[in-house]
Amino acid sequence: MSRGLYARGSMEPLVSITIPTRNSSKTLEACLKAIASSTYSRLEVIVIDGFSIDGTAKIAERYGAKVVTTDWGLLGARYLGFKEAKGDYVLLLDADQLLEPTAIERAVELAERYDMLVFEELSYRPRTLIERLYTYDRELVHFIPSLDPLQGEVLPRFFKRWVLERAFNAIPSRALKEVVHFDHAIIYYEAYKVTKRVGVVPRALWHLETPSTRELVVKNIRYGSTLTSLMELKEYRRLLHRDSTIKKVLNRVKYGAKRGAKAVLGSIALNLVKDYIVGLGLALKHLHLK
């Protein structure tokens, strides 16, 4: 999708949106429709697909996105998307996220003062119990004041090209090929070494949450099964401590009081369940390797 590549005059910077996918047909069309509704016209969209078998690539092509295929992990897919991108700015989007129409326009304006931007993310029309728990968690994450990648939990998605280039250049090639979980955290960890000019775009994204317990289990078992490669990379072990269950619980208790006990308990419950399932996935991977 390179809609409006030269719209509104040549002075407007090009924004590249990269989206990793793997059997993402349930959500990708809504994601691309939201991009098409953006008030900012000078965009290109690159979908990096993991050989989906559910028609994901056809959906992407129907909306004019450039499709690149790879068997690398999620971190590598983001890297390949960046390599294909032509933009002055790069937005790391997921297939289950919906852009607020003015988000990119506001981001480009804010990027005059910052080098990378967090997009505040809210749950989209939560209905099931799992979706409501995610709603509490996403709200509380933004109450945690630190933007340090080893202290806070929010992750920038909108980067000046040079920042992302230097971040990717610092990541070991083995990590690019293997890492799935913590992909975005690794990118931010390296980018934060380059610049600490981080801003926030309020109410920029809606997230199509995992609706069922079954999907929650499958998703986090997969994440856990990929942690072995990350644990072997000493450069990023500190990120595992940042994401510890105890630290997440303490952050929610400390900063979530304004949102109320129900939100705090719901967020804690979700993280306890997710972390248990991730641990189970890691244990199953170890058993398989023996």
Protein backbone atom coordinates (compact mmCIF):
# COMPACT_ATOMS: atom_id res chain seq x y z
CA MET A 1 0.00 0.00 0.00
CA SER A 2 1.72 3.17 -1.14
CA ARG A 3 -1.44 5.26 -1.20
CA GLY A 4 -0.74 8.95 -1.65
CA LEU A 5 2.99 8.45 -2.02
CA TYR A 6 3.37 12.02 -3.22
CA ALA A 7 0.20 13.43 -1.67
CA ARG A 8 0.13 16.87 -0.01
CA GLY A 9 3.42 17.91 -1.53
CA SER A 10 6.88 16.48 -1.50
CA MET A 11 7.77 18.10 1.83
CA GLU A 12 5.76 15.57 3.82
CA PRO A 13 7.95 12.67 5.02
CA LEU A 14 7.16 9.14 3.94
CA VAL A 15 6.06 6.81 6.74
CA SER A 16 6.67 3.07 6.31
CA ILE A 17 4.37 0.72 8.22
CA THR A 18 5.74 -2.80 8.68
CA ILE A 19 3.47 -5.65 9.81
CA PRO A 20 4.73 -9.18 10.60
CA THR A 21 2.09 -11.86 9.97
CA ARG A 22 1.60 -15.57 10.37
CA ASN A 23 -1.88 -16.93 9.64
CA SER A 24 -3.29 -13.51 10.54
CA SER A 25 -6.33 -13.47 8.25
CA LYS A 26 -8.75 -12.99 11.18
CA THR A 27 -7.38 -9.53 11.99
CA LEU A 28 -5.24 -8.28 9.10
CA GLU A 29 -8.08 -6.90 7.00
CA ALA A 30 -9.32 -4.74 9.89
CA CYS A 31 -5.75 -3.58 10.47
CA LEU A 32 -5.31 -2.55 6.83
CA LYS A 33 -8.73 -0.87 6.69
CA ALA A 34 -7.73 1.27 9.65
CA ILE A 35 -4.52 2.28 7.88
CA ALA A 36 -6.53 3.20 4.79
CA SER A 37 -8.60 5.56 6.98
CA SER A 38 -5.53 7.44 8.19
CA THR A 39 -5.57 11.22 7.87
CA TYR A 40 -1.91 11.02 6.85
CA SER A 41 -1.59 10.05 3.20
CA ARG A 42 2.09 9.54 2.45
CA LEU A 43 2.36 5.92 3.56
CA GLU A 44 3.73 2.59 2.41
CA VAL A 45 2.77 -0.74 3.99
CA ILE A 46 5.02 -3.80 4.07
CA VAL A 47 3.71 -7.15 5.29
CA ILE A 48 6.36 -9.69 6.31
CA ASP A 49 4.63 -13.05 6.19
CA GLY A 50 5.73 -16.34 7.73
CA PHE A 51 4.35 -18.52 4.92
CA SER A 52 0.74 -18.30 6.08
CA ILE A 53 -1.73 -20.91 4.85
CA ASP A 54 -4.93 -19.00 5.62
CA GLY A 55 -4.91 -16.38 2.86
CA THR A 56 -3.07 -13.69 4.83
CA ALA A 57 -0.83 -12.73 1.90
CA LYS A 58 -3.79 -12.40 -0.48
CA ILE A 59 -5.51 -10.01 1.94
CA ALA A 60 -2.34 -7.91 2.13
CA GLU A 61 -1.99 -7.80 -1.66
CA ARG A 62 -5.64 -6.85 -2.07
CA TYR A 63 -4.97 -3.73 -0.01
CA GLY A 64 -1.87 -2.87 -2.02
CA ALA A 65 0.71 -3.84 0.60
CA LYS A 66 4.10 -5.15 -0.41
CA VAL A 67 4.46 -8.76 0.80
CA VAL A 68 7.79 -10.30 1.83
CA THR A 69 8.00 -13.92 3.03
CA THR A 70 10.41 -15.35 5.59
CA ASP A 71 10.86 -18.29 7.93
CA TRP A 72 12.76 -16.19 10.47
CA GLY A 73 11.34 -15.41 13.90
CA LEU A 74 9.36 -12.30 14.75
CA LEU A 75 12.45 -10.18 15.43
CA GLY A 76 13.90 -11.13 12.06
CA ALA A 77 10.60 -10.34 10.35
CA ARG A 78 10.69 -6.84 11.81
CA TYR A 79 14.27 -6.46 10.59
CA LEU A 80 13.37 -7.57 7.06
CA GLY A 81 10.45 -5.16 7.06
CA PHE A 82 12.80 -2.35 8.00
CA LYS A 83 15.21 -3.31 5.21
CA GLU A 84 12.37 -3.07 2.68
CA ALA A 85 11.10 0.24 4.08
CA LYS A 86 11.80 3.47 2.22
CA GLY A 87 10.34 5.86 4.78
CA ASP A 88 11.88 8.63 6.85
CA TYR A 89 9.90 7.13 9.73
CA VAL A 90 9.08 3.48 10.39
CA LEU A 91 6.05 2.27 12.36
CA LEU A 92 6.29 -1.25 13.81
CA LEU A 93 2.67 -2.40 13.73
CA ASP A 94 1.07 -5.78 14.48
CA ALA A 95 -1.71 -7.42 12.49
CA ASP A 96 -4.09 -7.28 15.46
CA GLN A 97 -3.78 -3.51 15.95
CA LEU A 98 -6.00 -0.75 14.59
CA LEU A 99 -4.58 2.73 14.07
CA GLU A 100 -6.61 5.69 15.29
CA PRO A 101 -7.15 7.78 12.12
CA THR A 102 -5.08 10.78 13.25
CA ALA A 103 -2.33 8.77 14.99
CA ILE A 104 0.32 8.97 12.27
CA GLU A 105 -0.39 12.62 11.54
CA ARG A 106 0.07 13.41 15.24
CA ALA A 107 3.19 11.22 15.39
CA VAL A 108 4.89 13.00 12.50
CA GLU A 109 4.27 16.35 14.20
CA LEU A 110 5.53 15.07 17.57
CA ALA A 111 8.60 13.50 15.96
CA GLU A 112 10.00 16.99 15.45
CA ARG A 113 10.82 16.86 19.18
CA TYR A 114 11.43 13.13 19.71
CA ASP A 115 13.34 10.30 18.03
CA MET A 116 10.89 7.50 18.87
CA LEU A 117 7.30 7.44 20.04
CA VAL A 118 5.14 5.18 22.18
CA PHE A 119 1.63 4.73 20.77
CA GLU A 120 -0.82 4.56 23.67
CA GLU A 121 -2.77 1.35 23.15
CA LEU A 122 -6.28 0.49 24.28
CA SER A 123 -8.36 -2.65 23.87
CA TYR A 124 -10.92 -2.62 21.06
CA ARG A 125 -14.49 -3.32 22.21
CA PRO A 126 -13.69 -5.92 24.90
CA ARG A 127 -16.46 -8.47 25.39
CA THR A 128 -15.08 -11.71 26.85
CA LEU A 129 -13.45 -12.06 30.27
CA ILE A 130 -10.01 -12.44 28.70
CA GLU A 131 -10.50 -9.29 26.63
CA ARG A 132 -11.60 -7.30 29.70
CA LEU A 133 -8.52 -8.45 31.63
CA TYR A 134 -6.35 -7.25 28.76
CA THR A 135 -8.17 -3.91 28.93
CA TYR A 136 -7.21 -3.45 32.57
CA ASP A 137 -3.62 -4.39 31.85
CA ARG A 138 -3.18 -2.06 28.89
CA GLU A 139 -4.56 0.86 30.89
CA LEU A 140 -2.31 0.21 33.88
CA VAL A 141 0.84 -0.17 31.80
CA HIS A 142 0.56 3.51 30.85
CA PHE A 143 0.44 4.54 34.51
CA ILE A 144 4.00 3.25 34.98
CA PRO A 145 6.04 6.45 34.55
CA SER A 146 9.43 5.08 33.49
CA LEU A 147 10.30 4.94 29.79
CA ASP A 148 13.53 3.07 30.52
CA PRO A 149 13.39 -0.31 28.69
CA LEU A 150 14.64 -2.06 31.85
CA GLN A 151 12.17 -0.34 34.19
CA GLY A 152 8.93 0.44 32.37
CA GLU A 153 6.74 -1.73 30.17
CA VAL A 154 5.69 0.47 27.25
CA LEU A 155 7.46 0.08 23.92
CA PRO A 156 7.89 2.71 21.19
CA ARG A 157 6.49 1.79 17.79
CA PHE A 158 7.25 4.88 15.73
CA PHE A 159 10.95 5.46 14.99
CA LYS A 160 13.09 7.82 13.01
CA ARG A 161 14.79 5.68 10.42
CA TRP A 162 18.35 6.29 11.64
CA VAL A 163 17.46 5.19 15.18
CA LEU A 164 15.99 1.90 14.01
CA GLU A 165 18.93 1.30 11.68
CA ARG A 166 21.45 1.65 14.49
CA ALA A 167 19.34 -0.51 16.79
CA PHE A 168 19.11 -3.35 14.27
CA ASN A 169 22.82 -3.11 13.47
CA ALA A 170 23.57 -3.79 17.15
CA ILE A 171 21.44 -6.95 17.34
CA PRO A 172 23.32 -10.27 16.82
CA SER A 173 22.37 -12.10 13.62
CA ARG A 174 21.46 -15.22 15.60
CA ALA A 175 18.85 -13.24 17.53
CA LEU A 176 17.35 -11.91 14.31
CA LYS A 177 16.76 -15.43 13.03
CA GLU A 178 15.45 -17.07 16.20
CA VAL A 179 13.81 -14.63 18.63
CA VAL A 180 10.00 -14.46 18.77
CA HIS A 181 9.10 -13.34 22.28
CA PHE A 182 10.75 -10.07 23.42
CA ASP A 183 11.37 -9.03 19.81
CA HIS A 184 10.10 -5.51 20.33
CA ALA A 185 11.77 -5.18 23.74
CA ILE A 186 15.14 -6.02 22.18
CA ILE A 187 14.67 -3.35 19.50
CA TYR A 188 13.82 -0.74 22.13
CA TYR A 189 16.69 -1.85 24.37
CA GLU A 190 19.16 -1.16 21.57
CA ALA A 191 17.42 2.03 20.40
CA TYR A 192 17.49 3.47 23.92
CA LYS A 193 21.28 3.19 23.89
CA VAL A 194 21.27 5.45 20.84
CA THR A 195 18.83 8.12 22.04
CA LYS A 196 16.63 8.73 25.06
CA ARG A 197 14.31 11.19 23.34
CA VAL A 198 11.10 9.19 23.73
CA GLY A 199 7.62 10.70 23.44
CA VAL A 200 4.06 9.40 23.72
CA VAL A 201 1.16 9.69 21.26
CA PRO A 202 -2.07 9.46 23.33
CA ARG A 203 -4.90 7.13 22.28
CA ALA A 204 -3.15 6.04 19.10
CA LEU A 205 -3.98 2.32 18.79
CA TRP A 206 -6.73 -0.15 19.51
CA HIS A 207 -5.82 -3.78 20.06
CA LEU A 208 -7.94 -6.70 18.88
CA GLU A 209 -7.37 -8.85 21.94
CA THR A 210 -7.05 -12.61 22.22
CA PRO A 211 -10.73 -13.45 22.83
CA SER A 212 -10.61 -16.95 24.31
CA THR A 213 -8.70 -18.95 26.89
CA ARG A 214 -7.66 -21.43 24.21
CA GLU A 215 -6.04 -18.73 22.06
CA LEU A 216 -4.36 -17.25 25.13
CA VAL A 217 -2.83 -20.64 25.93
CA VAL A 218 -1.68 -21.36 22.36
CA LYS A 219 -0.12 -17.91 21.95
CA ASN A 220 1.82 -17.97 25.22
CA ILE A 221 2.91 -21.60 24.91
CA ARG A 222 4.49 -20.58 21.60
CA TYR A 223 6.19 -17.60 23.24
CA GLY A 224 7.55 -19.78 26.02
CA SER A 225 8.86 -22.39 23.61
CA THR A 226 11.01 -19.74 21.92
CA LEU A 227 12.61 -18.34 25.10
CA THR A 228 15.50 -20.82 25.00
CA SER A 229 17.22 -18.87 22.22
CA LEU A 230 16.80 -15.61 24.13
CA MET A 231 18.17 -17.07 27.36
CA GLU A 232 21.30 -18.12 25.50
CA LEU A 233 21.93 -14.52 24.41
CA LYS A 234 23.68 -12.94 27.38
CA GLU A 235 23.20 -9.48 25.86
CA TYR A 236 19.48 -9.61 26.60
CA ARG A 237 19.12 -11.57 29.83
CA ARG A 238 18.42 -8.34 31.69
CA LEU A 239 15.18 -8.04 29.72
CA LEU A 240 13.97 -11.29 31.29
CA HIS A 241 14.42 -9.77 34.75
CA ARG A 242 12.56 -6.64 33.65
CA ASP A 243 9.63 -8.82 32.65
CA SER A 244 9.56 -10.92 35.83
CA THR A 245 6.16 -11.67 37.34
CA ILE A 246 7.11 -10.13 40.68
CA LYS A 247 8.17 -6.86 39.06
CA LYS A 248 4.97 -6.64 37.03
CA VAL A 249 2.82 -7.27 40.11
CA LEU A 250 4.69 -4.62 42.13
CA ASN A 251 4.35 -2.08 39.32
CA ARG A 252 0.60 -2.59 39.14
CA VAL A 253 0.13 -2.33 42.89
CA LYS A 254 2.32 0.80 43.06
CA TYR A 255 0.97 2.72 40.09
CA GLY A 256 -2.53 1.34 39.54
CA ALA A 257 -4.29 2.81 42.58
CA LYS A 258 -5.92 5.58 40.53
CA ARG A 259 -7.58 3.00 38.31
CA GLY A 260 -9.04 1.06 41.23
CA ALA A 261 -8.68 -2.35 42.86
CA LYS A 262 -10.70 -4.18 40.20
CA ALA A 263 -8.35 -3.08 37.43
CA VAL A 264 -5.25 -3.85 39.49
CA LEU A 265 -6.45 -7.34 40.41
CA GLY A 266 -7.59 -8.04 36.84
CA SER A 267 -4.24 -6.98 35.42
CA ILE A 268 -2.32 -9.01 37.98
CA ALA A 269 -4.49 -12.08 37.31
CA LEU A 270 -3.86 -11.85 33.57
CA ASN A 271 -0.10 -11.57 34.01
CA LEU A 272 0.04 -14.46 36.47
CA VAL A 273 -1.81 -16.68 33.98
CA LYS A 274 0.26 -15.54 30.98
CA ASP A 275 3.57 -15.99 32.77
CA TYR A 276 2.57 -19.44 34.00
CA ILE A 277 1.70 -20.51 30.44
CA VAL A 278 4.93 -19.03 29.06
CA GLY A 279 6.84 -20.98 31.71
CA LEU A 280 4.97 -24.12 30.72
CA GLY A 281 5.92 -23.57 27.08
CA LEU A 282 9.57 -23.18 28.09
CA ALA A 283 9.44 -26.37 30.18
CA LEU A 284 7.89 -28.32 27.31
CA LYS A 285 10.63 -27.06 24.99
CA HIS A 286 13.31 -28.25 27.42
CA LEU A 287 11.67 -31.69 27.63
CA HIS A 288 11.61 -31.87 23.83
CA LEU A 289 15.32 -31.02 23.64
CA LYS A 290 16.34 -33.76 26.08
